[in-house]
C-alpha atoms as a PDB file:
ATOM      1  CA  MET A   1       0.000   0.000   0.000  1.00  0.00           C
ATOM      2  CA  THR A   2       1.455   3.323  -1.118  1.00  0.00           C
ATOM      3  CA  LYS A   3       1.414   5.996   1.582  1.00  0.00           C
ATOM      4  CA  GLU A   4       0.028   9.323   0.473  1.00  0.00           C
ATOM      5  CA  VAL A   5       2.198  12.389   1.118  1.00  0.00           C
ATOM      6  CA  THR A   6       0.525  15.801   0.936  1.00  0.00           C
ATOM      7  CA  ARG A   7       2.771  18.443  -0.533  1.00  0.00           C
ATOM      8  CA  LYS A   8       2.420  22.176  -1.101  1.00  0.00           C
ATOM      9  CA  PRO A   9       4.819  23.384  -3.852  1.00  0.00           C
ATOM     10  CA  ALA A  10       6.077  26.910  -4.447  1.00  0.00           C
ATOM     11  CA  HIS A  11       3.390  29.505  -5.107  1.00  0.00           C
ATOM     12  CA  GLY A  12       2.917  30.040  -8.804  1.00  0.00           C
ATOM     13  CA  GLY A  13       2.418  33.791  -8.555  1.00  0.00           C
ATOM     14  CA  MET A  14       5.789  34.377  -6.908  1.00  0.00           C
ATOM     15  CA  MET A  15       7.590  32.119  -9.364  1.00  0.00           C
ATOM     16  CA  LEU A  16       5.844  33.854 -12.261  1.00  0.00           C
ATOM     17  CA  VAL A  17       7.313  37.192 -11.116  1.00  0.00           C
ATOM     18  CA  VAL A  18      10.770  35.577 -10.874  1.00  0.00           C
ATOM     19  CA  ASN A  19      10.348  34.111 -14.344  1.00  0.00           C
ATOM     20  CA  ILE A  20       9.347  37.477 -15.829  1.00  0.00           C
ATOM     21  CA  VAL A  21      12.319  39.202 -14.181  1.00  0.00           C
ATOM     22  CA  ILE A  22      14.692  36.583 -15.598  1.00  0.00           C
ATOM     23  CA  ASP A  23      13.205  36.957 -19.078  1.00  0.00           C
ATOM     24  CA  LEU A  24      13.430  40.775 -18.963  1.00  0.00           C
ATOM     25  CA  PHE A  25      16.999  40.659 -17.701  1.00  0.00           C
ATOM     26  CA  ALA A  26      17.905  38.170 -20.435  1.00  0.00           C
ATOM     27  CA  LEU A  27      16.407  40.411 -23.123  1.00  0.00           C
ATOM     28  CA  ALA A  28      18.283  43.399 -21.702  1.00  0.00           C
ATOM     29  CA  LEU A  29      21.583  41.498 -21.848  1.00  0.00           C
ATOM     30  CA  ILE A  30      20.933  40.360 -25.410  1.00  0.00           C
ATOM     31  CA  ILE A  31      20.094  43.901 -26.576  1.00  0.00           C
ATOM     32  CA  SER A  32      23.041  45.502 -24.786  1.00  0.00           C
ATOM     33  CA  GLY A  33      25.427  42.835 -26.033  1.00  0.00           C
ATOM     34  CA  ALA A  34      24.203  43.241 -29.587  1.00  0.00           C
ATOM     35  CA  GLU A  35      24.617  47.008 -29.452  1.00  0.00           C
ATOM     36  CA  ALA A  36      28.091  46.766 -27.917  1.00  0.00           C
ATOM     37  CA  GLU A  37      28.985  43.790 -30.102  1.00  0.00           C
ATOM     38  CA  LEU A  38      30.049  41.811 -27.038  1.00  0.00           C
ATOM     39  CA  VAL A  39      29.805  38.010 -27.072  1.00  0.00           C
ATOM     40  CA  ALA A  40      29.651  37.368 -23.323  1.00  0.00           C
ATOM     41  CA  PRO A  41      26.437  39.360 -22.649  1.00  0.00           C
ATOM     42  CA  LEU A  42      24.799  37.724 -25.684  1.00  0.00           C
ATOM     43  CA  ILE A  43      25.633  34.198 -24.486  1.00  0.00           C
ATOM     44  CA  THR A  44      24.525  35.009 -20.930  1.00  0.00           C
ATOM     45  CA  GLY A  45      21.271  36.573 -22.164  1.00  0.00           C
ATOM     46  CA  VAL A  46      20.426  33.627 -24.398  1.00  0.00           C
ATOM     47  CA  ALA A  47      21.169  31.192 -21.545  1.00  0.00           C
ATOM     48  CA  LEU A  48      18.939  33.128 -19.143  1.00  0.00           C
ATOM     49  CA  LEU A  49      16.199  33.342 -21.748  1.00  0.00           C
ATOM     50  CA  LEU A  50      16.310  29.576 -22.264  1.00  0.00           C
ATOM     51  CA  LEU A  51      16.228  29.151 -18.479  1.00  0.00           C
ATOM     52  CA  GLY A  52      13.121  31.323 -18.286  1.00  0.00           C
ATOM     53  CA  VAL A  53      11.419  29.308 -21.021  1.00  0.00           C
ATOM     54  CA  PHE A  54      12.366  26.085 -19.249  1.00  0.00           C
ATOM     55  CA  MET A  55      11.008  27.373 -15.919  1.00  0.00           C
ATOM     56  CA  SER A  56       7.674  28.280 -17.529  1.00  0.00           C
ATOM     57  CA  PHE A  57       6.929  24.574 -18.007  1.00  0.00           C
ATOM     58  CA  GLY A  58       6.761  24.126 -14.220  1.00  0.00           C
ATOM     59  CA  PHE A  59       3.530  26.093 -13.729  1.00  0.00           C
ATOM     60  CA  PHE A  60       0.259  24.245 -13.132  1.00  0.00           C
ATOM     61  CA  ILE A  61      -3.191  24.849 -11.667  1.00  0.00           C
ATOM     62  CA  VAL A  62      -5.131  22.613  -9.273  1.00  0.00           C
ATOM     63  CA  ALA A  63      -8.900  23.132  -9.517  1.00  0.00           C
ATOM     64  CA  PRO A  64     -11.285  22.654  -6.550  1.00  0.00           C
ATOM     65  CA  ASN A  65     -11.843  18.982  -5.655  1.00  0.00           C
ATOM     66  CA  GLN A  66      -8.970  17.904  -7.859  1.00  0.00           C
ATOM     67  CA  ALA A  67      -5.441  16.761  -7.058  1.00  0.00           C
ATOM     68  CA  ALA A  68      -2.089  16.490  -8.789  1.00  0.00           C
ATOM     69  CA  VAL A  69       0.181  13.497  -8.160  1.00  0.00           C
ATOM     70  CA  LEU A  70       3.855  14.464  -8.553  1.00  0.00           C
ATOM     71  CA  LEU A  71       6.542  12.140  -9.971  1.00  0.00           C
ATOM     72  CA  PHE A  72      10.188  13.158 -10.157  1.00  0.00           C
ATOM     73  CA  PHE A  73      12.183  10.821 -12.395  1.00  0.00           C
ATOM     74  CA  GLY A  74       9.774   7.969 -11.618  1.00  0.00           C
ATOM     75  CA  LYS A  75       9.695   8.554  -7.858  1.00  0.00           C
ATOM     76  CA  TYR A  76       6.508   9.568  -6.077  1.00  0.00           C
ATOM     77  CA  VAL A  77       7.245  12.834  -4.253  1.00  0.00           C
ATOM     78  CA  GLY A  78       3.774  13.885  -3.072  1.00  0.00           C
ATOM     79  CA  SER A  79       0.230  14.917  -3.931  1.00  0.00           C
ATOM     80  CA  VAL A  80      -1.144  18.445  -4.182  1.00  0.00           C
ATOM     81  CA  LYS A  81      -4.773  18.448  -2.985  1.00  0.00           C
ATOM     82  CA  THR A  82      -5.273  22.162  -2.273  1.00  0.00           C
ATOM     83  CA  ASN A  83      -6.581  24.194  -5.188  1.00  0.00           C
ATOM     84  CA  GLY A  84      -4.380  27.027  -6.427  1.00  0.00           C
ATOM     85  CA  PHE A  85      -1.592  28.133  -8.798  1.00  0.00           C
ATOM     86  CA  TYR A  86       1.738  26.348  -8.219  1.00  0.00           C
ATOM     87  CA  TRP A  87       5.217  25.805  -9.631  1.00  0.00           C
ATOM     88  CA  VAL A  88       7.434  22.717  -9.451  1.00  0.00           C
ATOM     89  CA  ASN A  89      10.598  21.561 -11.129  1.00  0.00           C
ATOM     90  CA  PRO A  90       9.724  21.232 -14.846  1.00  0.00           C
ATOM     91  CA  PHE A  91      11.143  17.706 -14.804  1.00  0.00           C
ATOM     92  CA  THR A  92       8.369  16.750 -12.358  1.00  0.00           C
ATOM     93  CA  ILE A  93       5.470  14.879 -13.983  1.00  0.00           C
ATOM     94  CA  ARG A  94       2.029  15.986 -12.798  1.00  0.00           C
ATOM     95  CA  LYS A  95      -0.820  13.459 -13.055  1.00  0.00           C
ATOM     96  CA  ARG A  96      -4.231  14.917 -12.379  1.00  0.00           C
ATOM     97  CA  ILE A  97      -6.917  13.011 -10.516  1.00  0.00           C
ATOM     98  CA  SER A  98     -10.444  14.062  -9.565  1.00  0.00           C
ATOM     99  CA  LEU A  99     -11.580  14.022  -5.935  1.00  0.00           C
ATOM    100  CA  ARG A 100     -15.216  14.694  -6.779  1.00  0.00           C
ATOM    101  CA  ALA A 101     -18.024  12.265  -5.979  1.00  0.00           C
ATOM    102  CA  ARG A 102     -18.921  10.031  -8.907  1.00  0.00           C
ATOM    103  CA  ASN A 103     -21.872   7.816  -9.796  1.00  0.00           C
ATOM    104  CA  LEU A 104     -21.577   4.302 -11.139  1.00  0.00           C
ATOM    105  CA  ASN A 105     -24.902   3.082 -12.500  1.00  0.00           C
ATOM    106  CA  GLY A 106     -24.250  -0.632 -12.822  1.00  0.00           C
ATOM    107  CA  GLN A 107     -25.676  -2.624 -15.689  1.00  0.00           C
ATOM    108  CA  LYS A 108     -28.362  -5.251 -15.166  1.00  0.00           C
ATOM    109  CA  LEU A 109     -26.834  -8.588 -14.246  1.00  0.00           C
ATOM    110  CA  LYS A 110     -28.553 -11.956 -14.661  1.00  0.00           C
ATOM    111  CA  VAL A 111     -27.618 -14.224 -11.750  1.00  0.00           C
ATOM    112  CA  ASN A 112     -29.141 -16.960  -9.614  1.00  0.00           C
ATOM    113  CA  ASP A 113     -30.300 -16.119  -6.108  1.00  0.00           C
ATOM    114  CA  ARG A 114     -29.724 -18.324  -3.084  1.00  0.00           C
ATOM    115  CA  GLY A 115     -32.609 -20.566  -4.087  1.00  0.00           C
ATOM    116  CA  GLY A 116     -31.301 -21.007  -7.634  1.00  0.00           C
ATOM    117  CA  ASN A 117     -33.923 -18.763  -9.241  1.00  0.00           C
ATOM    118  CA  PRO A 118     -32.628 -16.586 -12.108  1.00  0.00           C
ATOM    119  CA  ILE A 119     -33.033 -12.890 -11.315  1.00  0.00           C
ATOM    120  CA  GLU A 120     -32.016  -9.538 -12.739  1.00  0.00           C
ATOM    121  CA  ILE A 121     -30.181  -7.204 -10.382  1.00  0.00           C
ATOM    122  CA  ALA A 122     -28.349  -3.886 -10.666  1.00  0.00           C
ATOM    123  CA  ALA A 123     -26.867  -1.391  -8.218  1.00  0.00           C
ATOM    124  CA  VAL A 124     -25.916   2.283  -8.165  1.00  0.00           C
ATOM    125  CA  LEU A 125     -22.708   3.324  -6.416  1.00  0.00           C
ATOM    126  CA  VAL A 126     -21.578   6.770  -5.249  1.00  0.00           C
ATOM    127  CA  TRP A 127     -17.819   6.914  -4.657  1.00  0.00           C
ATOM    128  CA  GLU A 128     -14.830   9.236  -4.465  1.00  0.00           C
ATOM    129  CA  VAL A 129     -11.044   8.983  -4.425  1.00  0.00           C
ATOM    130  CA  LYS A 130      -9.728   9.352  -0.873  1.00  0.00           C
ATOM    131  CA  ASN A 131      -6.083   8.317  -1.250  1.00  0.00           C
ATOM    132  CA  THR A 132      -4.506   9.598  -4.471  1.00  0.00           C
ATOM    133  CA  ALA A 133      -1.327   7.544  -4.102  1.00  0.00           C
ATOM    134  CA  GLU A 134      -3.175   4.233  -3.759  1.00  0.00           C
ATOM    135  CA  ALA A 135      -5.541   5.101  -6.620  1.00  0.00           C
ATOM    136  CA  MET A 136      -2.637   5.962  -8.923  1.00  0.00           C
ATOM    137  CA  PHE A 137      -0.040   3.334  -8.026  1.00  0.00           C
ATOM    138  CA  ASP A 138      -1.673   0.351  -6.236  1.00  0.00           C
ATOM    139  CA  VAL A 139      -4.060  -0.607  -9.062  1.00  0.00           C
ATOM    140  CA  ASP A 140      -3.646  -0.466 -12.816  1.00  0.00           C
ATOM    141  CA  ASP A 141      -6.823   1.541 -13.556  1.00  0.00           C
ATOM    142  CA  TYR A 142      -8.790   2.637 -10.517  1.00  0.00           C
ATOM    143  CA  GLU A 143     -11.954   3.484 -12.499  1.00  0.00           C
ATOM    144  CA  GLY A 144     -11.990   0.065 -14.160  1.00  0.00           C
ATOM    145  CA  TYR A 145     -11.181  -1.497 -10.791  1.00  0.00           C
ATOM    146  CA  VAL A 146     -14.256   0.139  -9.262  1.00  0.00           C
ATOM    147  CA  ASP A 147     -16.445  -1.097 -12.127  1.00  0.00           C
ATOM    148  CA  THR A 148     -15.185  -4.690 -11.953  1.00  0.00           C
ATOM    149  CA  GLN A 149     -15.292  -4.991  -8.171  1.00  0.00           C
ATOM    150  CA  SER A 150     -18.785  -3.477  -8.042  1.00  0.00           C
ATOM    151  CA  GLU A 151     -20.114  -6.091 -10.454  1.00  0.00           C
ATOM    152  CA  SER A 152     -18.416  -8.864  -8.481  1.00  0.00           C
ATOM    153  CA  ALA A 153     -19.887  -7.597  -5.189  1.00  0.00           C
ATOM    154  CA  VAL A 154     -23.417  -7.408  -6.645  1.00  0.00           C
ATOM    155  CA  ARG A 155     -23.142 -10.980  -7.958  1.00  0.00           C
ATOM    156  CA  HIS A 156     -21.942 -12.212  -4.565  1.00  0.00           C
ATOM    157  CA  LEU A 157     -24.770 -10.366  -2.821  1.00  0.00           C
ATOM    158  CA  ALA A 158     -27.410 -11.900  -5.114  1.00  0.00           C
ATOM    159  CA  THR A 159     -26.226 -15.438  -4.362  1.00  0.00           C
ATOM    160  CA  SER A 160     -26.287 -14.779  -0.594  1.00  0.00           C
ATOM    161  CA  TYR A 161     -30.037 -14.034  -0.353  1.00  0.00           C
ATOM    162  CA  SER A 162     -33.254 -15.327  -1.808  1.00  0.00           C
ATOM    163  CA  TYR A 163     -35.247 -12.974  -3.997  1.00  0.00           C
ATOM    164  CA  ASP A 164     -38.304 -13.295  -1.770  1.00  0.00           C
ATOM    165  CA  ASN A 165     -39.504 -15.422   1.132  1.00  0.00           C
ATOM    166  CA  ARG A 166     -42.880 -16.644   2.227  1.00  0.00           C
ATOM    167  CA  GLU A 167     -44.608 -14.845   5.049  1.00  0.00           C
ATOM    168  CA  ASP A 168     -43.916 -17.666   7.503  1.00  0.00           C
ATOM    169  CA  SER A 169     -40.154 -17.346   6.944  1.00  0.00           C
ATOM    170  CA  GLU A 170     -38.022 -14.876   8.911  1.00  0.00           C
ATOM    171  CA  GLU A 171     -34.969 -15.267   6.672  1.00  0.00           C
ATOM    172  CA  PRO A 172     -33.913 -11.936   5.078  1.00  0.00           C
ATOM    173  CA  SER A 173     -34.466 -11.530   1.347  1.00  0.00           C
ATOM    174  CA  LEU A 174     -33.418  -9.167  -1.412  1.00  0.00           C
ATOM    175  CA  ARG A 175     -36.908  -7.723  -1.869  1.00  0.00           C
ATOM    176  CA  GLY A 176     -38.066  -7.717   1.733  1.00  0.00           C
ATOM    177  CA  ASP A 177     -34.915  -6.388   3.438  1.00  0.00           C
ATOM    178  CA  ILE A 178     -33.671  -3.782   0.970  1.00  0.00           C
ATOM    179  CA  ASP A 179     -32.030  -1.574   3.646  1.00  0.00           C
ATOM    180  CA  ARG A 180     -30.129  -4.445   5.203  1.00  0.00           C
ATOM    181  CA  VAL A 181     -29.036  -5.712   1.798  1.00  0.00           C
ATOM    182  CA  SER A 182     -27.866  -2.236   0.746  1.00  0.00           C
ATOM    183  CA  LYS A 183     -25.811  -1.842   3.929  1.00  0.00           C
ATOM    184  CA  GLN A 184     -24.132  -5.190   3.335  1.00  0.00           C
ATOM    185  CA  LEU A 185     -23.389  -4.200  -0.272  1.00  0.00           C
ATOM    186  CA  GLU A 186     -21.888  -0.896   0.886  1.00  0.00           C
ATOM    187  CA  SER A 187     -19.771  -2.648   3.515  1.00  0.00           C
ATOM    188  CA  GLU A 188     -18.458  -5.231   1.056  1.00  0.00           C
ATOM    189  CA  LEU A 189     -17.658  -2.594  -1.565  1.00  0.00           C
ATOM    190  CA  SER A 190     -15.824  -0.452   1.001  1.00  0.00           C
ATOM    191  CA  GLU A 191     -13.628  -3.417   1.850  1.00  0.00           C
ATOM    192  CA  ARG A 192     -12.979  -4.324  -1.791  1.00  0.00           C
ATOM    193  CA  LEU A 193     -12.235  -0.763  -2.977  1.00  0.00           C
ATOM    194  CA  ALA A 194     -10.041   0.280  -0.047  1.00  0.00           C
ATOM    195  CA  ARG A 195      -6.995  -1.060  -1.913  1.00  0.00           C
ATOM    196  CA  ALA A 196      -7.587   1.500  -4.680  1.00  0.00           C
ATOM    197  CA  GLY A 197      -7.881   4.418  -2.253  1.00  0.00           C
ATOM    198  CA  VAL A 198     -11.612   4.729  -2.961  1.00  0.00           C
ATOM    199  CA  ARG A 199     -14.257   5.594  -0.356  1.00  0.00           C
ATOM    200  CA  VAL A 200     -17.801   4.337  -0.891  1.00  0.00           C
ATOM    201  CA  ILE A 201     -20.324   7.059  -0.064  1.00  0.00           C
ATOM    202  CA  GLU A 202     -23.476   5.079  -0.825  1.00  0.00           C
ATOM    203  CA  ALA A 203     -24.474   1.831  -2.511  1.00  0.00           C
ATOM    204  CA  ARG A 204     -28.040   0.732  -3.200  1.00  0.00           C
ATOM    205  CA  LEU A 205     -29.902  -1.656  -5.467  1.00  0.00           C
ATOM    206  CA  SER A 206     -31.400   0.151  -8.456  1.00  0.00           C
ATOM    207  CA  HIS A 207     -33.105  -2.812 -10.160  1.00  0.00           C
ATOM    208  CA  LEU A 208     -34.437  -6.120  -8.873  1.00  0.00           C
ATOM    209  CA  ALA A 209     -36.722  -8.492 -10.736  1.00  0.00           C
ATOM    210  CA  TYR A 210     -37.161 -12.108 -11.705  1.00  0.00           C
ATOM    211  CA  ALA A 211     -35.671 -13.097 -15.042  1.00  0.00           C
ATOM    212  CA  PRO A 212     -38.233 -12.957 -17.893  1.00  0.00           C
ATOM    213  CA  GLU A 213     -38.329 -16.747 -18.346  1.00  0.00           C
ATOM    214  CA  ILE A 214     -39.714 -17.321 -14.829  1.00  0.00           C
ATOM    215  CA  ALA A 215     -41.369 -13.981 -14.125  1.00  0.00           C
ATOM    216  CA  GLY A 216     -44.855 -15.264 -15.054  1.00  0.00           C
ATOM    217  CA  ALA A 217     -44.584 -18.376 -12.894  1.00  0.00           C
ATOM    218  CA  MET A 218     -43.247 -16.423  -9.943  1.00  0.00           C
ATOM    219  CA  LEU A 219     -46.046 -13.876 -10.283  1.00  0.00           C
ATOM    220  CA  GLN A 220     -48.595 -16.681 -10.080  1.00  0.00           C
ATOM    221  CA  ARG A 221     -46.840 -18.025  -6.981  1.00  0.00           C
ATOM    222  CA  GLN A 222     -46.934 -14.612  -5.325  1.00  0.00           C
ATOM    223  CA  GLN A 223     -50.605 -14.243  -6.190  1.00  0.00           C
ATOM    224  CA  ALA A 224     -51.313 -17.690  -4.759  1.00  0.00           C
ATOM    225  CA  ASP A 225     -49.425 -16.822  -1.556  1.00  0.00           C
ATOM    226  CA  ALA A 226     -51.416 -13.606  -1.259  1.00  0.00           C
ATOM    227  CA  ILE A 227     -54.731 -15.428  -1.771  1.00  0.00           C
ATOM    228  CA  ILE A 228     -53.828 -18.069   0.824  1.00  0.00           C
ATOM    229  CA  ALA A 229     -52.816 -15.409   3.341  1.00  0.00           C
ATOM    230  CA  ALA A 230     -56.023 -13.456   2.728  1.00  0.00           C
ATOM    231  CA  ARG A 231     -58.159 -16.589   3.089  1.00  0.00           C
ATOM    232  CA  ALA A 232     -56.426 -17.506   6.334  1.00  0.00           C
ATOM    233  CA  LYS A 233     -57.139 -14.048   7.694  1.00  0.00           C
ATOM    234  CA  ILE A 234     -60.779 -14.233   6.641  1.00  0.00           C
ATOM    235  CA  VAL A 235     -61.260 -17.661   8.229  1.00  0.00           C
ATOM    236  CA  GLU A 236     -59.572 -16.516  11.434  1.00  0.00           C
ATOM    237  CA  GLY A 237     -61.893 -13.521  11.668  1.00  0.00           C
ATOM    238  CA  ALA A 238     -64.984 -15.572  10.778  1.00  0.00           C
ATOM    239  CA  VAL A 239     -64.259 -18.152  13.485  1.00  0.00           C
ATOM    240  CA  GLY A 240     -63.910 -15.377  16.056  1.00  0.00           C
ATOM    241  CA  MET A 241     -67.231 -13.829  14.979  1.00  0.00           C
ATOM    242  CA  VAL A 242     -69.002 -17.200  15.215  1.00  0.00           C
ATOM    243  CA  GLU A 243     -67.595 -17.795  18.689  1.00  0.00           C
ATOM    244  CA  ASP A 244     -68.797 -14.352  19.805  1.00  0.00           C
ATOM    245  CA  ALA A 245     -72.252 -14.960  18.335  1.00  0.00           C
ATOM    246  CA  LEU A 246     -72.680 -18.307  20.097  1.00  0.00           C
ATOM    247  CA  ARG A 247     -71.424 -16.899  23.390  1.00  0.00           C
ATOM    248  CA  HIS A 248     -73.792 -13.913  23.282  1.00  0.00           C
ATOM    249  CA  LEU A 249     -76.767 -16.143  22.454  1.00  0.00           C
ATOM    250  CA  SER A 250     -75.915 -18.427  25.334  1.00  0.00           C
ATOM    251  CA  GLU A 251     -75.276 -15.630  27.849  1.00  0.00           C
ATOM    252  CA  ARG A 252     -78.456 -13.718  27.048  1.00  0.00           C
ATOM    253  CA  GLY A 253     -80.633 -16.804  26.853  1.00  0.00           C
ATOM    254  CA  VAL A 254     -82.056 -15.824  23.478  1.00  0.00           C
ATOM    255  CA  VAL A 255     -82.230 -19.403  22.289  1.00  0.00           C
ATOM    256  CA  ASP A 256     -81.091 -22.759  23.592  1.00  0.00           C
ATOM    257  CA  LEU A 257     -79.332 -24.677  20.837  1.00  0.00           C
ATOM    258  CA  ASP A 258     -78.420 -28.310  20.996  1.00  0.00           C
ATOM    259  CA  PRO A 259     -75.088 -29.479  19.473  1.00  0.00           C
ATOM    260  CA  GLU A 260     -76.646 -30.321  16.123  1.00  0.00           C
ATOM    261  CA  ARG A 261     -78.262 -26.893  15.718  1.00  0.00           C
ATOM    262  CA  LYS A 262     -75.051 -25.203  16.858  1.00  0.00           C
ATOM    263  CA  ALA A 263     -73.152 -27.129  14.181  1.00  0.00           C
ATOM    264  CA  ASN A 264     -75.703 -26.096  11.568  1.00  0.00           C
ATOM    265  CA  MET A 265     -75.542 -22.454  12.664  1.00  0.00           C
ATOM    266  CA  VAL A 266     -71.724 -22.483  12.602  1.00  0.00           C
ATOM    267  CA  SER A 267     -71.755 -23.971   9.113  1.00  0.00           C
ATOM    268  CA  ASN A 268     -74.187 -21.335   7.816  1.00  0.00           C
ATOM    269  CA  LEU A 269     -72.279 -18.434   9.391  1.00  0.00           C
ATOM    270  CA  LEU A 270     -68.938 -19.643   8.008  1.00  0.00           C
ATOM    271  CA  VAL A 271     -70.435 -19.971   4.533  1.00  0.00           C
ATOM    272  CA  VAL A 272     -71.789 -16.422   4.727  1.00  0.00           C
ATOM    273  CA  LEU A 273     -68.622 -14.881   6.158  1.00  0.00           C
ATOM    274  CA  CYS A 274     -66.068 -16.765   4.056  1.00  0.00           C
ATOM    275  CA  GLY A 275     -67.891 -16.922   0.737  1.00  0.00           C
ATOM    276  CA  GLN A 276     -66.658 -14.893  -2.227  1.00  0.00           C
ATOM    277  CA  HIS A 277     -70.197 -13.867  -3.249  1.00  0.00           C
ATOM    278  CA  ASP A 278     -73.101 -12.392  -1.338  1.00  0.00           C
ATOM    279  CA  ALA A 279     -75.230 -14.966   0.457  1.00  0.00           C
ATOM    280  CA  GLN A 280     -78.704 -15.720  -0.997  1.00  0.00           C
ATOM    281  CA  PRO A 281     -81.314 -15.930   1.834  1.00  0.00           C
ATOM    282  CA  ILE A 282     -83.488 -19.063   1.850  1.00  0.00           C
ATOM    283  CA  LEU A 283     -86.686 -19.212   3.883  1.00  0.00           C
ATOM    284  CA  ASN A 284     -86.960 -22.495   5.776  1.00  0.00           C
ATOM    285  CA  ALA A 285     -90.663 -23.299   6.235  1.00  0.00           C
ATOM    286  CA  GLY A 286     -90.074 -26.693   7.792  1.00  0.00           C
ATOM    287  CA  SER A 287     -88.134 -27.994  10.745  1.00  0.00           C
ATOM    288  CA  LEU A 288     -84.439 -28.630  11.179  1.00  0.00           C
ATOM    289  CA  TYR A 289     -85.353 -32.173  12.054  1.00  0.00           C
END
């Protein structure tokens, strides 16, 4: 791991004044030497003029939320992370790198979830470069590294959870525990991208769906689960209402029902309460017996 060294080079404004003075002095020597037909002032003036031109290649500007990584004959000598106008030795190579937050909108990936069902999944990642030395020297291409590791982390996440679980299951799922899944994705990406000097600001799933070839079947399964859950709720409520009705009749002495008539009443009430259609009243002119 390359250690980042923050450096603040010479101020560009001061060095610009020095450069202008050298150039003016060189021009004065060249003119005076030419007028006096003296060789020494001409040679000195030309040398100073070339020095001034050479020094002018050392100026550079660092914009806000950008950095410059400095290399002197192949050796890392520091990073300039404060915006401003600077000057360094012209032999120093300056590699610019952005410190701004960036978005990575991952492409849709087709993978199998924990249960082996093919799903489509994608994630969006917000990241920034935190360590310029690691981003520049510890990986070959830090932007490509972020892209590749993000795809790998999303694939690993998809295989660790099921797309969805039944209501009687407490196991976390991709669809039912989106916040927990996103936090795990962010944690895994932070660990993977730390080598490249990258800090993960946020990571969340942006797309989640069954693959087209099983989407219809899974939709029918979800509808069936919903119908079963609704029916169970209806039956539970109907049984409670029947119990209350029988208890009130018994407590108030409205009618004394034997077991057979109670069974018949329970059957009729359950049919009325649990039926999908409105009950049709039938007038019984005879006897239950």
